[in-house]
Amino acid sequence: PVGVFFEVGIGLHFWLNILLTLFGYVPGIIHAVWII
C-alpha cells in the first residue's frame, strides 16, 4: 500500500490495494507493481 500511495495517493487504488494485501500478500504486490 505504501508504494501505491506514493504513485496515486489516497484513492480507490490505495484502498483496493489494502484490501488485496489483507486477503493475500502476493495479490497486493502484483496490484502495486501493476499500478506503478
ModelCIF file with pLDDT and N, C-alpha, C, O atoms, coordinates in Angstrom:
data_MODEL
#
_entry.id   MODEL 
#
_entity.id                         1 
_entity.type                       polymer 
_entity.pdbx_number_of_molecules   1 
#
_entity_poly.entity_id                      1 
_entity_poly.type                           'polypeptide(L)' 
_entity_poly.nstd_linkage                   no 
_entity_poly.nstd_monomer                   no 
_entity_poly.pdbx_seq_one_letter_code       PVGVFFEVGIGLHFWLNILLTLFGYVPGIIHAVWII 
_entity_poly.pdbx_seq_one_letter_code_can   PVGVFFEVGIGLHFWLNILLTLFGYVPGIIHAVWII 
_entity_poly.pdbx_strand_id                 A 
#
loop_
_entity_poly_seq.entity_id 
_entity_poly_seq.num 
_entity_poly_seq.mon_id 
_entity_poly_seq.hetero 
1 1  PRO n 
1 2  VAL n 
1 3  GLY n 
1 4  VAL n 
1 5  PHE n 
1 6  PHE n 
1 7  GLU n 
1 8  VAL n 
1 9  GLY n 
1 10 ILE n 
1 11 GLY n 
1 12 LEU n 
1 13 HIS n 
1 14 PHE n 
1 15 TRP n 
1 16 LEU n 
1 17 ASN n 
1 18 ILE n 
1 19 LEU n 
1 20 LEU n 
1 21 THR n 
1 22 LEU n 
1 23 PHE n 
1 24 GLY n 
1 25 TYR n 
1 26 VAL n 
1 27 PRO n 
1 28 GLY n 
1 29 ILE n 
1 30 ILE n 
1 31 HIS n 
1 32 ALA n 
1 33 VAL n 
1 34 TRP n 
1 35 ILE n 
1 36 ILE n 
#
_struct_asym.id          A 
_struct_asym.entity_id   1 
#
loop_
_ma_qa_metric.id 
_ma_qa_metric.mode 
_ma_qa_metric.name 
_ma_qa_metric.software_group_id 
_ma_qa_metric.type 
1 global pLDDT . pLDDT 
2 local  pLDDT . pLDDT 
#
_ma_qa_metric_global.metric_id      1 
_ma_qa_metric_global.metric_value   94.11 
_ma_qa_metric_global.model_id       1 
_ma_qa_metric_global.ordinal_id     1 
#
loop_
_ma_qa_metric_local.label_asym_id 
_ma_qa_metric_local.label_comp_id 
_ma_qa_metric_local.label_seq_id 
_ma_qa_metric_local.metric_id 
_ma_qa_metric_local.metric_value 
_ma_qa_metric_local.model_id 
_ma_qa_metric_local.ordinal_id 
A PRO 1  2 95.00 1 1  
A VAL 2  2 93.00 1 2  
A GLY 3  2 91.00 1 3  
A VAL 4  2 93.00 1 4  
A PHE 5  2 93.00 1 5  
A PHE 6  2 90.00 1 6  
A GLU 7  2 89.00 1 7  
A VAL 8  2 92.00 1 8  
A GLY 9  2 93.00 1 9  
A ILE 10 2 95.00 1 10 
A GLY 11 2 93.00 1 11 
A LEU 12 2 95.00 1 12 
A HIS 13 2 95.00 1 13 
A PHE 14 2 96.00 1 14 
A TRP 15 2 97.00 1 15 
A LEU 16 2 96.00 1 16 
A ASN 17 2 96.00 1 17 
A ILE 18 2 96.00 1 18 
A LEU 19 2 96.00 1 19 
A LEU 20 2 96.00 1 20 
A THR 21 2 95.00 1 21 
A LEU 22 2 96.00 1 22 
A PHE 23 2 94.00 1 23 
A GLY 24 2 91.00 1 24 
A TYR 25 2 93.00 1 25 
A VAL 26 2 95.00 1 26 
A PRO 27 2 96.00 1 27 
A GLY 28 2 95.00 1 28 
A ILE 29 2 95.00 1 29 
A ILE 30 2 95.00 1 30 
A HIS 31 2 96.00 1 31 
A ALA 32 2 94.00 1 32 
A VAL 33 2 94.00 1 33 
A TRP 34 2 95.00 1 34 
A ILE 35 2 93.00 1 35 
A ILE 36 2 91.00 1 36 
#
loop_
_atom_site.group_PDB 
_atom_site.id 
_atom_site.type_symbol 
_atom_site.label_atom_id 
_atom_site.label_alt_id 
_atom_site.label_comp_id 
_atom_site.label_asym_id 
_atom_site.label_entity_id 
_atom_site.label_seq_id 
_atom_site.pdbx_PDB_ins_code 
_atom_site.Cartn_x 
_atom_site.Cartn_y 
_atom_site.Cartn_z 
_atom_site.occupancy 
_atom_site.B_iso_or_equiv 
_atom_site.pdbx_formal_charge 
_atom_site.auth_seq_id 
_atom_site.auth_comp_id 
_atom_site.auth_asym_id 
_atom_site.auth_atom_id 
_atom_site.pdbx_PDB_model_num 
ATOM 1   N N  . PRO A 1 1  ? 0.797  -1.236  0.000   1.00 95.00 ? 1  PRO A N  1 
ATOM 2   C CA . PRO A 1 1  ? 0.000  0.000   0.000   1.00 95.00 ? 1  PRO A CA 1 
ATOM 3   C C  . PRO A 1 1  ? 0.828  1.283   0.000   1.00 95.00 ? 1  PRO A C  1 
ATOM 4   O O  . PRO A 1 1  ? 0.376  2.304   -0.519  1.00 95.00 ? 1  PRO A O  1 
ATOM 5   N N  . VAL A 1 2  ? 2.016  1.250   0.565   1.00 93.00 ? 2  VAL A N  1 
ATOM 6   C CA . VAL A 1 2  ? 2.859  2.454   0.580   1.00 93.00 ? 2  VAL A CA 1 
ATOM 7   C C  . VAL A 1 2  ? 3.322  2.797   -0.840  1.00 93.00 ? 2  VAL A C  1 
ATOM 8   O O  . VAL A 1 2  ? 3.347  3.966   -1.223  1.00 93.00 ? 2  VAL A O  1 
ATOM 9   N N  . GLY A 1 3  ? 3.685  1.784   -1.609  1.00 91.00 ? 3  GLY A N  1 
ATOM 10  C CA . GLY A 1 3  ? 4.082  2.022   -2.994  1.00 91.00 ? 3  GLY A CA 1 
ATOM 11  C C  . GLY A 1 3  ? 2.954  2.607   -3.820  1.00 91.00 ? 3  GLY A C  1 
ATOM 12  O O  . GLY A 1 3  ? 3.177  3.500   -4.637  1.00 91.00 ? 3  GLY A O  1 
ATOM 13  N N  . VAL A 1 4  ? 1.740  2.107   -3.611  1.00 93.00 ? 4  VAL A N  1 
ATOM 14  C CA . VAL A 1 4  ? 0.572  2.636   -4.325  1.00 93.00 ? 4  VAL A CA 1 
ATOM 15  C C  . VAL A 1 4  ? 0.288  4.067   -3.870  1.00 93.00 ? 4  VAL A C  1 
ATOM 16  O O  . VAL A 1 4  ? -0.038 4.927   -4.689  1.00 93.00 ? 4  VAL A O  1 
ATOM 17  N N  . PHE A 1 5  ? 0.412  4.320   -2.578  1.00 93.00 ? 5  PHE A N  1 
ATOM 18  C CA . PHE A 1 5  ? 0.185  5.672   -2.062  1.00 93.00 ? 5  PHE A CA 1 
ATOM 19  C C  . PHE A 1 5  ? 1.126  6.673   -2.708  1.00 93.00 ? 5  PHE A C  1 
ATOM 20  O O  . PHE A 1 5  ? 0.693  7.760   -3.092  1.00 93.00 ? 5  PHE A O  1 
ATOM 21  N N  . PHE A 1 6  ? 2.403  6.333   -2.839  1.00 90.00 ? 6  PHE A N  1 
ATOM 22  C CA . PHE A 1 6  ? 3.355  7.250   -3.464  1.00 90.00 ? 6  PHE A CA 1 
ATOM 23  C C  . PHE A 1 6  ? 3.068  7.455   -4.944  1.00 90.00 ? 6  PHE A C  1 
ATOM 24  O O  . PHE A 1 6  ? 3.440  8.486   -5.504  1.00 90.00 ? 6  PHE A O  1 
ATOM 25  N N  . GLU A 1 7  ? 2.420  6.503   -5.583  1.00 89.00 ? 7  GLU A N  1 
ATOM 26  C CA . GLU A 1 7  ? 2.130  6.625   -7.013  1.00 89.00 ? 7  GLU A CA 1 
ATOM 27  C C  . GLU A 1 7  ? 0.827  7.396   -7.264  1.00 89.00 ? 7  GLU A C  1 
ATOM 28  O O  . GLU A 1 7  ? 0.798  8.286   -8.115  1.00 89.00 ? 7  GLU A O  1 
ATOM 29  N N  . VAL A 1 8  ? -0.248 7.070   -6.539  1.00 92.00 ? 8  VAL A N  1 
ATOM 30  C CA . VAL A 1 8  ? -1.553 7.663   -6.855  1.00 92.00 ? 8  VAL A CA 1 
ATOM 31  C C  . VAL A 1 8  ? -2.205 8.388   -5.685  1.00 92.00 ? 8  VAL A C  1 
ATOM 32  O O  . VAL A 1 8  ? -3.258 8.999   -5.867  1.00 92.00 ? 8  VAL A O  1 
ATOM 33  N N  . GLY A 1 9  ? -1.624 8.344   -4.504  1.00 93.00 ? 9  GLY A N  1 
ATOM 34  C CA . GLY A 1 9  ? -2.231 8.996   -3.345  1.00 93.00 ? 9  GLY A CA 1 
ATOM 35  C C  . GLY A 1 9  ? -3.333 8.134   -2.747  1.00 93.00 ? 9  GLY A C  1 
ATOM 36  O O  . GLY A 1 9  ? -3.474 6.955   -3.069  1.00 93.00 ? 9  GLY A O  1 
ATOM 37  N N  . ILE A 1 10 ? -4.110 8.759   -1.864  1.00 95.00 ? 10 ILE A N  1 
ATOM 38  C CA . ILE A 1 10 ? -5.214 8.028   -1.232  1.00 95.00 ? 10 ILE A CA 1 
ATOM 39  C C  . ILE A 1 10 ? -6.419 8.126   -2.151  1.00 95.00 ? 10 ILE A C  1 
ATOM 40  O O  . ILE A 1 10 ? -6.962 9.208   -2.375  1.00 95.00 ? 10 ILE A O  1 
ATOM 41  N N  . GLY A 1 11 ? -6.820 7.001   -2.670  1.00 93.00 ? 11 GLY A N  1 
ATOM 42  C CA . GLY A 1 11 ? -7.950 6.930   -3.588  1.00 93.00 ? 11 GLY A CA 1 
ATOM 43  C C  . GLY A 1 11 ? -8.398 5.490   -3.710  1.00 93.00 ? 11 GLY A C  1 
ATOM 44  O O  . GLY A 1 11 ? -8.095 4.655   -2.857  1.00 93.00 ? 11 GLY A O  1 
ATOM 45  N N  . LEU A 1 12 ? -9.117 5.211   -4.768  1.00 95.00 ? 12 LEU A N  1 
ATOM 46  C CA . LEU A 1 12 ? -9.672 3.880   -4.985  1.00 95.00 ? 12 LEU A CA 1 
ATOM 47  C C  . LEU A 1 12 ? -8.582 2.813   -5.029  1.00 95.00 ? 12 LEU A C  1 
ATOM 48  O O  . LEU A 1 12 ? -8.715 1.776   -4.379  1.00 95.00 ? 12 LEU A O  1 
ATOM 49  N N  . HIS A 1 13 ? -7.511 3.045   -5.778  1.00 95.00 ? 13 HIS A N  1 
ATOM 50  C CA . HIS A 1 13 ? -6.458 2.039   -5.911  1.00 95.00 ? 13 HIS A CA 1 
ATOM 51  C C  . HIS A 1 13 ? -5.731 1.789   -4.589  1.00 95.00 ? 13 HIS A C  1 
ATOM 52  O O  . HIS A 1 13 ? -5.317 0.664   -4.309  1.00 95.00 ? 13 HIS A O  1 
ATOM 53  N N  . PHE A 1 14 ? -5.579 2.827   -3.786  1.00 96.00 ? 14 PHE A N  1 
ATOM 54  C CA . PHE A 1 14 ? -4.942 2.663   -2.483  1.00 96.00 ? 14 PHE A CA 1 
ATOM 55  C C  . PHE A 1 14 ? -5.763 1.732   -1.596  1.00 96.00 ? 14 PHE A C  1 
ATOM 56  O O  . PHE A 1 14 ? -5.225 0.791   -1.013  1.00 96.00 ? 14 PHE A O  1 
ATOM 57  N N  . TRP A 1 15 ? -7.069 1.995   -1.494  1.00 97.00 ? 15 TRP A N  1 
ATOM 58  C CA . TRP A 1 15 ? -7.926 1.169   -0.639  1.00 97.00 ? 15 TRP A CA 1 
ATOM 59  C C  . TRP A 1 15 ? -8.073 -0.227  -1.200  1.00 97.00 ? 15 TRP A C  1 
ATOM 60  O O  . TRP A 1 15 ? -8.130 -1.190  -0.435  1.00 97.00 ? 15 TRP A O  1 
ATOM 61  N N  . LEU A 1 16 ? -8.134 -0.368  -2.512  1.00 96.00 ? 16 LEU A N  1 
ATOM 62  C CA . LEU A 1 16 ? -8.181 -1.684  -3.131  1.00 96.00 ? 16 LEU A CA 1 
ATOM 63  C C  . LEU A 1 16 ? -6.914 -2.468  -2.821  1.00 96.00 ? 16 LEU A C  1 
ATOM 64  O O  . LEU A 1 16 ? -6.971 -3.671  -2.571  1.00 96.00 ? 16 LEU A O  1 
ATOM 65  N N  . ASN A 1 17 ? -5.777 -1.792  -2.838  1.00 96.00 ? 17 ASN A N  1 
ATOM 66  C CA . ASN A 1 17 ? -4.523 -2.458  -2.537  1.00 96.00 ? 17 ASN A CA 1 
ATOM 67  C C  . ASN A 1 17 ? -4.463 -2.905  -1.079  1.00 96.00 ? 17 ASN A C  1 
ATOM 68  O O  . ASN A 1 17 ? -3.947 -3.985  -0.789  1.00 96.00 ? 17 ASN A O  1 
ATOM 69  N N  . ILE A 1 18 ? -4.972 -2.107  -0.172  1.00 96.00 ? 18 ILE A N  1 
ATOM 70  C CA . ILE A 1 18 ? -5.014 -2.528  1.230   1.00 96.00 ? 18 ILE A CA 1 
ATOM 71  C C  . ILE A 1 18 ? -5.873 -3.783  1.370   1.00 96.00 ? 18 ILE A C  1 
ATOM 72  O O  . ILE A 1 18 ? -5.500 -4.715  2.082   1.00 96.00 ? 18 ILE A O  1 
ATOM 73  N N  . LEU A 1 19 ? -7.016 -3.808  0.696   1.00 96.00 ? 19 LEU A N  1 
ATOM 74  C CA . LEU A 1 19 ? -7.891 -4.977  0.738   1.00 96.00 ? 19 LEU A CA 1 
ATOM 75  C C  . LEU A 1 19 ? -7.204 -6.212  0.155   1.00 96.00 ? 19 LEU A C  1 
ATOM 76  O O  . LEU A 1 19 ? -7.263 -7.293  0.742   1.00 96.00 ? 19 LEU A O  1 
ATOM 77  N N  . LEU A 1 20 ? -6.553 -6.053  -0.997  1.00 96.00 ? 20 LEU A N  1 
ATOM 78  C CA . LEU A 1 20 ? -5.843 -7.172  -1.618  1.00 96.00 ? 20 LEU A CA 1 
ATOM 79  C C  . LEU A 1 20 ? -4.695 -7.655  -0.739  1.00 96.00 ? 20 LEU A C  1 
ATOM 80  O O  . LEU A 1 20 ? -4.451 -8.859  -0.649  1.00 96.00 ? 20 LEU A O  1 
ATOM 81  N N  . THR A 1 21 ? -3.996 -6.743  -0.099  1.00 95.00 ? 21 THR A N  1 
ATOM 82  C CA . THR A 1 21 ? -2.893 -7.114  0.778   1.00 95.00 ? 21 THR A CA 1 
ATOM 83  C C  . THR A 1 21 ? -3.401 -7.873  2.000   1.00 95.00 ? 21 THR A C  1 
ATOM 84  O O  . THR A 1 21 ? -2.748 -8.808  2.465   1.00 95.00 ? 21 THR A O  1 
ATOM 85  N N  . LEU A 1 22 ? -4.554 -7.480  2.519   1.00 96.00 ? 22 LEU A N  1 
ATOM 86  C CA . LEU A 1 22 ? -5.136 -8.196  3.658   1.00 96.00 ? 22 LEU A CA 1 
ATOM 87  C C  . LEU A 1 22 ? -5.588 -9.604  3.271   1.00 96.00 ? 22 LEU A C  1 
ATOM 88  O O  . LEU A 1 22 ? -5.465 -10.538 4.064   1.00 96.00 ? 22 LEU A O  1 
ATOM 89  N N  . PHE A 1 23 ? -6.111 -9.755  2.053   1.00 94.00 ? 23 PHE A N  1 
ATOM 90  C CA . PHE A 1 23 ? -6.544 -11.079 1.597   1.00 94.00 ? 23 PHE A CA 1 
ATOM 91  C C  . PHE A 1 23 ? -5.370 -11.983 1.244   1.00 94.00 ? 23 PHE A C  1 
ATOM 92  O O  . PHE A 1 23 ? -5.468 -13.206 1.347   1.00 94.00 ? 23 PHE A O  1 
ATOM 93  N N  . GLY A 1 24 ? -4.288 -11.393 0.838   1.00 91.00 ? 24 GLY A N  1 
ATOM 94  C CA . GLY A 1 24 ? -3.103 -12.158 0.473   1.00 91.00 ? 24 GLY A CA 1 
ATOM 95  C C  . GLY A 1 24 ? -1.998 -11.199 0.090   1.00 91.00 ? 24 GLY A C  1 
ATOM 96  O O  . GLY A 1 24 ? -2.214 -10.257 -0.672  1.00 91.00 ? 24 GLY A O  1 
ATOM 97  N N  . TYR A 1 25 ? -0.843 -11.439 0.611   1.00 93.00 ? 25 TYR A N  1 
ATOM 98  C CA . TYR A 1 25 ? 0.271  -10.524 0.400   1.00 93.00 ? 25 TYR A CA 1 
ATOM 99  C C  . TYR A 1 25 ? 0.655  -10.427 -1.086  1.00 93.00 ? 25 TYR A C  1 
ATOM 100 O O  . TYR A 1 25 ? 0.935  -9.337  -1.584  1.00 93.00 ? 25 TYR A O  1 
ATOM 101 N N  . VAL A 1 26 ? 0.667  -11.553 -1.782  1.00 95.00 ? 26 VAL A N  1 
ATOM 102 C CA . VAL A 1 26 ? 1.086  -11.576 -3.192  1.00 95.00 ? 26 VAL A CA 1 
ATOM 103 C C  . VAL A 1 26 ? 0.126  -10.790 -4.092  1.00 95.00 ? 26 VAL A C  1 
ATOM 104 O O  . VAL A 1 26 ? 0.598  -10.038 -4.944  1.00 95.00 ? 26 VAL A O  1 
ATOM 105 N N  . PRO A 1 27 ? -1.201 -10.928 -3.946  1.00 96.00 ? 27 PRO A N  1 
ATOM 106 C CA . PRO A 1 27 ? -2.078 -10.082 -4.779  1.00 96.00 ? 27 PRO A CA 1 
ATOM 107 C C  . PRO A 1 27 ? -1.852 -8.584  -4.554  1.00 96.00 ? 27 PRO A C  1 
ATOM 108 O O  . PRO A 1 27 ? -1.965 -7.791  -5.489  1.00 96.00 ? 27 PRO A O  1 
ATOM 109 N N  . GLY A 1 28 ? -1.539 -8.203  -3.332  1.00 95.00 ? 28 GLY A N  1 
ATOM 110 C CA . GLY A 1 28 ? -1.239 -6.799  -3.057  1.00 95.00 ? 28 GLY A CA 1 
ATOM 111 C C  . GLY A 1 28 ? 0.011  -6.333  -3.776  1.00 95.00 ? 28 GLY A C  1 
ATOM 112 O O  . GLY A 1 28 ? 0.056  -5.219  -4.298  1.00 95.00 ? 28 GLY A O  1 
ATOM 113 N N  . ILE A 1 29 ? 1.029  -7.186  -3.805  1.00 95.00 ? 29 ILE A N  1 
ATOM 114 C CA . ILE A 1 29 ? 2.274  -6.855  -4.514  1.00 95.00 ? 29 ILE A CA 1 
ATOM 115 C C  . ILE A 1 29 ? 2.020  -6.737  -6.013  1.00 95.00 ? 29 ILE A C  1 
ATOM 116 O O  . ILE A 1 29 ? 2.475  -5.787  -6.651  1.00 95.00 ? 29 ILE A O  1 
ATOM 117 N N  . ILE A 1 30 ? 1.297  -7.696  -6.570  1.00 95.00 ? 30 ILE A N  1 
ATOM 118 C CA . ILE A 1 30 ? 1.017  -7.684  -8.012  1.00 95.00 ? 30 ILE A CA 1 
ATOM 119 C C  . ILE A 1 30 ? 0.249  -6.416  -8.391  1.00 95.00 ? 30 ILE A C  1 
ATOM 120 O O  . ILE A 1 30 ? 0.573  -5.769  -9.387  1.00 95.00 ? 30 ILE A O  1 
ATOM 121 N N  . HIS A 1 31 ? -0.755 -6.064  -7.611  1.00 96.00 ? 31 HIS A N  1 
ATOM 122 C CA . HIS A 1 31 ? -1.532 -4.858  -7.894  1.00 96.00 ? 31 HIS A CA 1 
ATOM 123 C C  . HIS A 1 31 ? -0.664 -3.604  -7.783  1.00 96.00 ? 31 HIS A C  1 
ATOM 124 O O  . HIS A 1 31 ? -0.767 -2.707  -8.619  1.00 96.00 ? 31 HIS A O  1 
ATOM 125 N N  . ALA A 1 32 ? 0.178  -3.535  -6.772  1.00 94.00 ? 32 ALA A N  1 
ATOM 126 C CA . ALA A 1 32 ? 1.030  -2.361  -6.585  1.00 94.00 ? 32 ALA A CA 1 
ATOM 127 C C  . ALA A 1 32 ? 2.001  -2.200  -7.743  1.00 94.00 ? 32 ALA A C  1 
ATOM 128 O O  . ALA A 1 32 ? 2.175  -1.093  -8.252  1.00 94.00 ? 32 ALA A O  1 
ATOM 129 N N  . VAL A 1 33 ? 2.631  -3.279  -8.163  1.00 94.00 ? 33 VAL A N  1 
ATOM 130 C CA . VAL A 1 33 ? 3.572  -3.209  -9.292  1.00 94.00 ? 33 VAL A CA 1 
ATOM 131 C C  . VAL A 1 33 ? 2.829  -2.824  -10.571 1.00 94.00 ? 33 VAL A C  1 
ATOM 132 O O  . VAL A 1 33 ? 3.344  -2.050  -11.378 1.00 94.00 ? 33 VAL A O  1 
ATOM 133 N N  . TRP A 1 34 ? 1.639  -3.352  -10.756 1.00 95.00 ? 34 TRP A N  1 
ATOM 134 C CA . TRP A 1 34 ? 0.848  -3.009  -11.945 1.00 95.00 ? 34 TRP A CA 1 
ATOM 135 C C  . TRP A 1 34 ? 0.515  -1.518  -11.958 1.00 95.00 ? 34 TRP A C  1 
ATOM 136 O O  . TRP A 1 34 ? 0.603  -0.873  -13.002 1.00 95.00 ? 34 TRP A O  1 
ATOM 137 N N  . ILE A 1 35 ? 0.135  -0.971  -10.805 1.00 93.00 ? 35 ILE A N  1 
ATOM 138 C CA . ILE A 1 35 ? -0.191 0.460   -10.710 1.00 93.00 ? 35 ILE A CA 1 
ATOM 139 C C  . ILE A 1 35 ? 1.031  1.310   -11.064 1.00 93.00 ? 35 ILE A C  1 
ATOM 140 O O  . ILE A 1 35 ? 0.914  2.312   -11.771 1.00 93.00 ? 35 ILE A O  1 
ATOM 141 N N  . ILE A 1 36 ? 2.196  0.907   -10.573 1.00 91.00 ? 36 ILE A N  1 
ATOM 142 C CA . ILE A 1 36 ? 3.411  1.684   -10.823 1.00 91.00 ? 36 ILE A CA 1 
ATOM 143 C C  . ILE A 1 36 ? 3.836  1.607   -12.282 1.00 91.00 ? 36 ILE A C  1 
ATOM 144 O O  . ILE A 1 36 ? 4.842  2.205   -12.665 1.00 91.00 ? 36 ILE A O  1 
#
